[in-house]
Amino acid sequence: MSYTNYDKTIDELRKERWLKIFLLDFAEAFALISKSRQFDIVVQILLHIDRHNSFTVSMAEIAAKSGASYRSVQNTFNAMLAADMMRVNGGSFVVNPNLALYGRPESKEFLLKDYKALSREKPSRSRNMSVVDEVE
């Protein structure tokens, strides 16, 4: 069997940043929040992470792109924070590099070090982070 075209595609991908998901860890963490629309929300989050594994897309944008309600997005973010699937870094969220990594595999060590330095606490009410406050 020849894998020439496949190998070429892999080589091309290695030269660029790409999303790598550590499937077993991701599936285990995802089981904690597995509700129908939540998967769509998580996919939108993963599609919008940058090379630092962070994203600044608003919850309203995630709701619009996933077809979920704002409240569902809010509940999913809170569940992801509680499951350590992501943490807060100032005005953005950072996805746990042990679950998903956007970029080159060599960057995981550095991203993980930065991730572990972030607090696991739920963000306080502030101008930027009020989006994760519970809906009454």
C-alpha atoms as a PDB file:
ATOM      1  CA  MET A   1       0.000   0.000   0.000  1.00  0.00           C
ATOM      2  CA  SER A   2       1.167   3.459  -0.782  1.00  0.00           C
ATOM      3  CA  TYR A   3       0.546   6.306   1.630  1.00  0.00           C
ATOM      4  CA  THR A   4       2.298   8.945  -0.439  1.00  0.00           C
ATOM      5  CA  ASN A   5      -0.623  11.371  -0.605  1.00  0.00           C
ATOM      6  CA  TYR A   6      -1.459  10.753   3.042  1.00  0.00           C
ATOM      7  CA  ASP A   7       2.145  11.319   4.133  1.00  0.00           C
ATOM      8  CA  LYS A   8       2.313  14.508   2.136  1.00  0.00           C
ATOM      9  CA  THR A   9      -0.822  15.793   3.846  1.00  0.00           C
ATOM     10  CA  ILE A  10       0.609  14.955   7.275  1.00  0.00           C
ATOM     11  CA  ASP A  11       3.888  16.692   6.420  1.00  0.00           C
ATOM     12  CA  GLU A  12       1.995  19.767   5.275  1.00  0.00           C
ATOM     13  CA  LEU A  13      -0.050  19.805   8.476  1.00  0.00           C
ATOM     14  CA  ARG A  14       3.063  19.549  10.627  1.00  0.00           C
ATOM     15  CA  LYS A  15       4.388  22.745   9.056  1.00  0.00           C
ATOM     16  CA  GLU A  16       1.269  24.628  10.095  1.00  0.00           C
ATOM     17  CA  ARG A  17      -0.632  24.958  13.334  1.00  0.00           C
ATOM     18  CA  TRP A  18      -3.406  22.467  13.771  1.00  0.00           C
ATOM     19  CA  LEU A  19      -5.862  21.340  16.400  1.00  0.00           C
ATOM     20  CA  LYS A  20      -4.921  18.224  18.318  1.00  0.00           C
ATOM     21  CA  ILE A  21      -7.433  16.678  20.679  1.00  0.00           C
ATOM     22  CA  PHE A  22      -6.316  14.162  23.283  1.00  0.00           C
ATOM     23  CA  LEU A  23      -9.399  12.062  22.719  1.00  0.00           C
ATOM     24  CA  LEU A  24      -9.513   9.878  25.832  1.00  0.00           C
ATOM     25  CA  ASP A  25      -8.993  12.805  28.208  1.00  0.00           C
ATOM     26  CA  PHE A  26     -11.383  14.965  26.226  1.00  0.00           C
ATOM     27  CA  ALA A  27     -14.088  12.279  26.190  1.00  0.00           C
ATOM     28  CA  GLU A  28     -13.777  11.728  29.938  1.00  0.00           C
ATOM     29  CA  ALA A  29     -14.093  15.442  30.655  1.00  0.00           C
ATOM     30  CA  PHE A  30     -16.867  15.823  28.085  1.00  0.00           C
ATOM     31  CA  ALA A  31     -18.902  13.112  29.799  1.00  0.00           C
ATOM     32  CA  LEU A  32     -19.299  15.521  32.717  1.00  0.00           C
ATOM     33  CA  ILE A  33     -21.178  18.023  30.558  1.00  0.00           C
ATOM     34  CA  SER A  34     -22.760  15.755  27.930  1.00  0.00           C
ATOM     35  CA  LYS A  35     -26.043  17.330  26.962  1.00  0.00           C
ATOM     36  CA  SER A  36     -27.181  17.696  23.367  1.00  0.00           C
ATOM     37  CA  ARG A  37     -26.469  21.383  22.631  1.00  0.00           C
ATOM     38  CA  GLN A  38     -23.393  21.418  24.823  1.00  0.00           C
ATOM     39  CA  PHE A  39     -21.441  19.435  22.256  1.00  0.00           C
ATOM     40  CA  ASP A  40     -22.146  22.113  19.630  1.00  0.00           C
ATOM     41  CA  ILE A  41     -21.031  24.783  22.094  1.00  0.00           C
ATOM     42  CA  VAL A  42     -17.788  22.943  22.896  1.00  0.00           C
ATOM     43  CA  VAL A  43     -17.073  22.510  19.181  1.00  0.00           C
ATOM     44  CA  GLN A  44     -17.516  26.260  18.633  1.00  0.00           C
ATOM     45  CA  ILE A  45     -15.128  26.953  21.497  1.00  0.00           C
ATOM     46  CA  LEU A  46     -12.520  24.605  20.012  1.00  0.00           C
ATOM     47  CA  LEU A  47     -12.908  26.180  16.582  1.00  0.00           C
ATOM     48  CA  HIS A  48     -12.084  29.590  18.021  1.00  0.00           C
ATOM     49  CA  ILE A  49      -8.983  28.933  20.123  1.00  0.00           C
ATOM     50  CA  ASP A  50      -5.740  30.645  19.172  1.00  0.00           C
ATOM     51  CA  ARG A  51      -2.115  29.560  19.407  1.00  0.00           C
ATOM     52  CA  HIS A  52      -2.176  30.307  23.152  1.00  0.00           C
ATOM     53  CA  ASN A  53      -5.170  27.966  23.577  1.00  0.00           C
ATOM     54  CA  SER A  54      -7.308  30.941  24.554  1.00  0.00           C
ATOM     55  CA  PHE A  55     -10.386  32.452  23.009  1.00  0.00           C
ATOM     56  CA  THR A  56     -12.120  35.774  23.373  1.00  0.00           C
ATOM     57  CA  VAL A  57     -15.281  35.048  21.396  1.00  0.00           C
ATOM     58  CA  SER A  58     -18.289  36.236  23.358  1.00  0.00           C
ATOM     59  CA  MET A  59     -20.950  33.927  24.715  1.00  0.00           C
ATOM     60  CA  ALA A  60     -23.475  35.655  22.454  1.00  0.00           C
ATOM     61  CA  GLU A  61     -21.348  34.775  19.403  1.00  0.00           C
ATOM     62  CA  ILE A  62     -20.970  31.171  20.589  1.00  0.00           C
ATOM     63  CA  ALA A  63     -24.759  30.988  21.091  1.00  0.00           C
ATOM     64  CA  ALA A  64     -25.413  32.314  17.593  1.00  0.00           C
ATOM     65  CA  LYS A  65     -22.894  30.002  15.924  1.00  0.00           C
ATOM     66  CA  SER A  66     -23.961  26.886  17.849  1.00  0.00           C
ATOM     67  CA  GLY A  67     -27.701  27.518  17.696  1.00  0.00           C
ATOM     68  CA  ALA A  68     -27.906  27.260  21.486  1.00  0.00           C
ATOM     69  CA  SER A  69     -29.493  29.714  23.882  1.00  0.00           C
ATOM     70  CA  TYR A  70     -27.339  32.172  25.788  1.00  0.00           C
ATOM     71  CA  ARG A  71     -28.286  30.387  29.011  1.00  0.00           C
ATOM     72  CA  SER A  72     -27.112  27.036  27.587  1.00  0.00           C
ATOM     73  CA  VAL A  73     -23.786  28.603  26.628  1.00  0.00           C
ATOM     74  CA  GLN A  74     -23.479  30.114  30.092  1.00  0.00           C
ATOM     75  CA  ASN A  75     -24.244  26.761  31.760  1.00  0.00           C
ATOM     76  CA  THR A  76     -21.757  24.979  29.493  1.00  0.00           C
ATOM     77  CA  PHE A  77     -19.000  27.484  30.312  1.00  0.00           C
ATOM     78  CA  ASN A  78     -19.664  27.000  34.021  1.00  0.00           C
ATOM     79  CA  ALA A  79     -19.594  23.199  33.618  1.00  0.00           C
ATOM     80  CA  MET A  80     -16.336  23.419  31.661  1.00  0.00           C
ATOM     81  CA  LEU A  81     -14.784  25.618  34.341  1.00  0.00           C
ATOM     82  CA  ALA A  82     -15.897  23.180  37.057  1.00  0.00           C
ATOM     83  CA  ALA A  83     -14.503  20.203  35.086  1.00  0.00           C
ATOM     84  CA  ASP A  84     -11.162  22.016  34.528  1.00  0.00           C
ATOM     85  CA  MET A  85     -11.706  21.924  30.774  1.00  0.00           C
ATOM     86  CA  MET A  86     -10.857  25.617  30.747  1.00  0.00           C
ATOM     87  CA  ARG A  87      -9.748  28.396  33.072  1.00  0.00           C
ATOM     88  CA  VAL A  88     -10.066  32.165  33.096  1.00  0.00           C
ATOM     89  CA  ASN A  89      -7.174  34.413  32.124  1.00  0.00           C
ATOM     90  CA  GLY A  90      -8.116  38.061  32.509  1.00  0.00           C
ATOM     91  CA  GLY A  91     -10.729  38.787  29.841  1.00  0.00           C
ATOM     92  CA  SER A  92     -10.476  35.460  28.044  1.00  0.00           C
ATOM     93  CA  PHE A  93     -10.779  31.742  28.638  1.00  0.00           C
ATOM     94  CA  VAL A  94      -7.997  29.188  28.127  1.00  0.00           C
ATOM     95  CA  VAL A  95      -8.727  25.607  27.066  1.00  0.00           C
ATOM     96  CA  ASN A  96      -6.859  22.920  29.012  1.00  0.00           C
ATOM     97  CA  PRO A  97      -3.911  21.868  26.769  1.00  0.00           C
ATOM     98  CA  ASN A  98      -4.255  18.298  28.062  1.00  0.00           C
ATOM     99  CA  LEU A  99      -7.629  18.140  26.303  1.00  0.00           C
ATOM    100  CA  ALA A 100      -7.093  20.145  23.137  1.00  0.00           C
ATOM    101  CA  LEU A 101      -4.092  21.868  21.647  1.00  0.00           C
ATOM    102  CA  TYR A 102      -4.075  24.307  18.780  1.00  0.00           C
ATOM    103  CA  GLY A 103      -0.618  24.629  17.375  1.00  0.00           C
ATOM    104  CA  ARG A 104       2.481  22.532  17.179  1.00  0.00           C
ATOM    105  CA  PRO A 105       2.841  19.585  19.572  1.00  0.00           C
ATOM    106  CA  GLU A 106       6.098  21.062  20.861  1.00  0.00           C
ATOM    107  CA  SER A 107       4.175  23.966  22.389  1.00  0.00           C
ATOM    108  CA  LYS A 108       2.132  21.764  24.752  1.00  0.00           C
ATOM    109  CA  GLU A 109       4.702  21.905  27.557  1.00  0.00           C
ATOM    110  CA  PHE A 110       4.747  25.710  27.585  1.00  0.00           C
ATOM    111  CA  LEU A 111       0.969  26.032  27.265  1.00  0.00           C
ATOM    112  CA  LEU A 112       0.441  23.530  30.073  1.00  0.00           C
ATOM    113  CA  LYS A 113       2.815  25.440  32.371  1.00  0.00           C
ATOM    114  CA  ASP A 114       0.894  28.665  31.732  1.00  0.00           C
ATOM    115  CA  TYR A 115      -2.446  26.888  32.149  1.00  0.00           C
ATOM    116  CA  LYS A 116      -1.488  25.409  35.512  1.00  0.00           C
ATOM    117  CA  ALA A 117      -0.569  28.883  36.749  1.00  0.00           C
ATOM    118  CA  LEU A 118      -4.146  30.093  36.182  1.00  0.00           C
ATOM    119  CA  SER A 119      -6.662  29.978  39.013  1.00  0.00           C
ATOM    120  CA  ARG A 120      -9.403  27.322  38.941  1.00  0.00           C
ATOM    121  CA  GLU A 121     -11.765  29.665  40.739  1.00  0.00           C
ATOM    122  CA  LYS A 122     -14.862  30.964  39.037  1.00  0.00           C
ATOM    123  CA  PRO A 123     -14.256  34.557  37.929  1.00  0.00           C
ATOM    124  CA  SER A 124     -15.686  37.310  40.058  1.00  0.00           C
ATOM    125  CA  ARG A 125     -18.342  39.682  38.778  1.00  0.00           C
ATOM    126  CA  SER A 126     -16.539  42.202  36.659  1.00  0.00           C
ATOM    127  CA  ARG A 127     -17.112  44.016  33.424  1.00  0.00           C
ATOM    128  CA  ASN A 128     -15.375  41.326  31.367  1.00  0.00           C
ATOM    129  CA  MET A 129     -16.285  38.184  33.283  1.00  0.00           C
ATOM    130  CA  SER A 130     -19.911  38.801  34.233  1.00  0.00           C
ATOM    131  CA  VAL A 131     -20.847  36.571  31.314  1.00  0.00           C
ATOM    132  CA  VAL A 132     -20.269  33.437  33.417  1.00  0.00           C
ATOM    133  CA  ASP A 133     -22.451  34.533  36.310  1.00  0.00           C
ATOM    134  CA  GLU A 134     -25.379  32.239  36.983  1.00  0.00           C
ATOM    135  CA  VAL A 135     -28.693  33.111  35.405  1.00  0.00           C
ATOM    136  CA  GLU A 136     -31.478  33.389  37.939  1.00  0.00           C
END
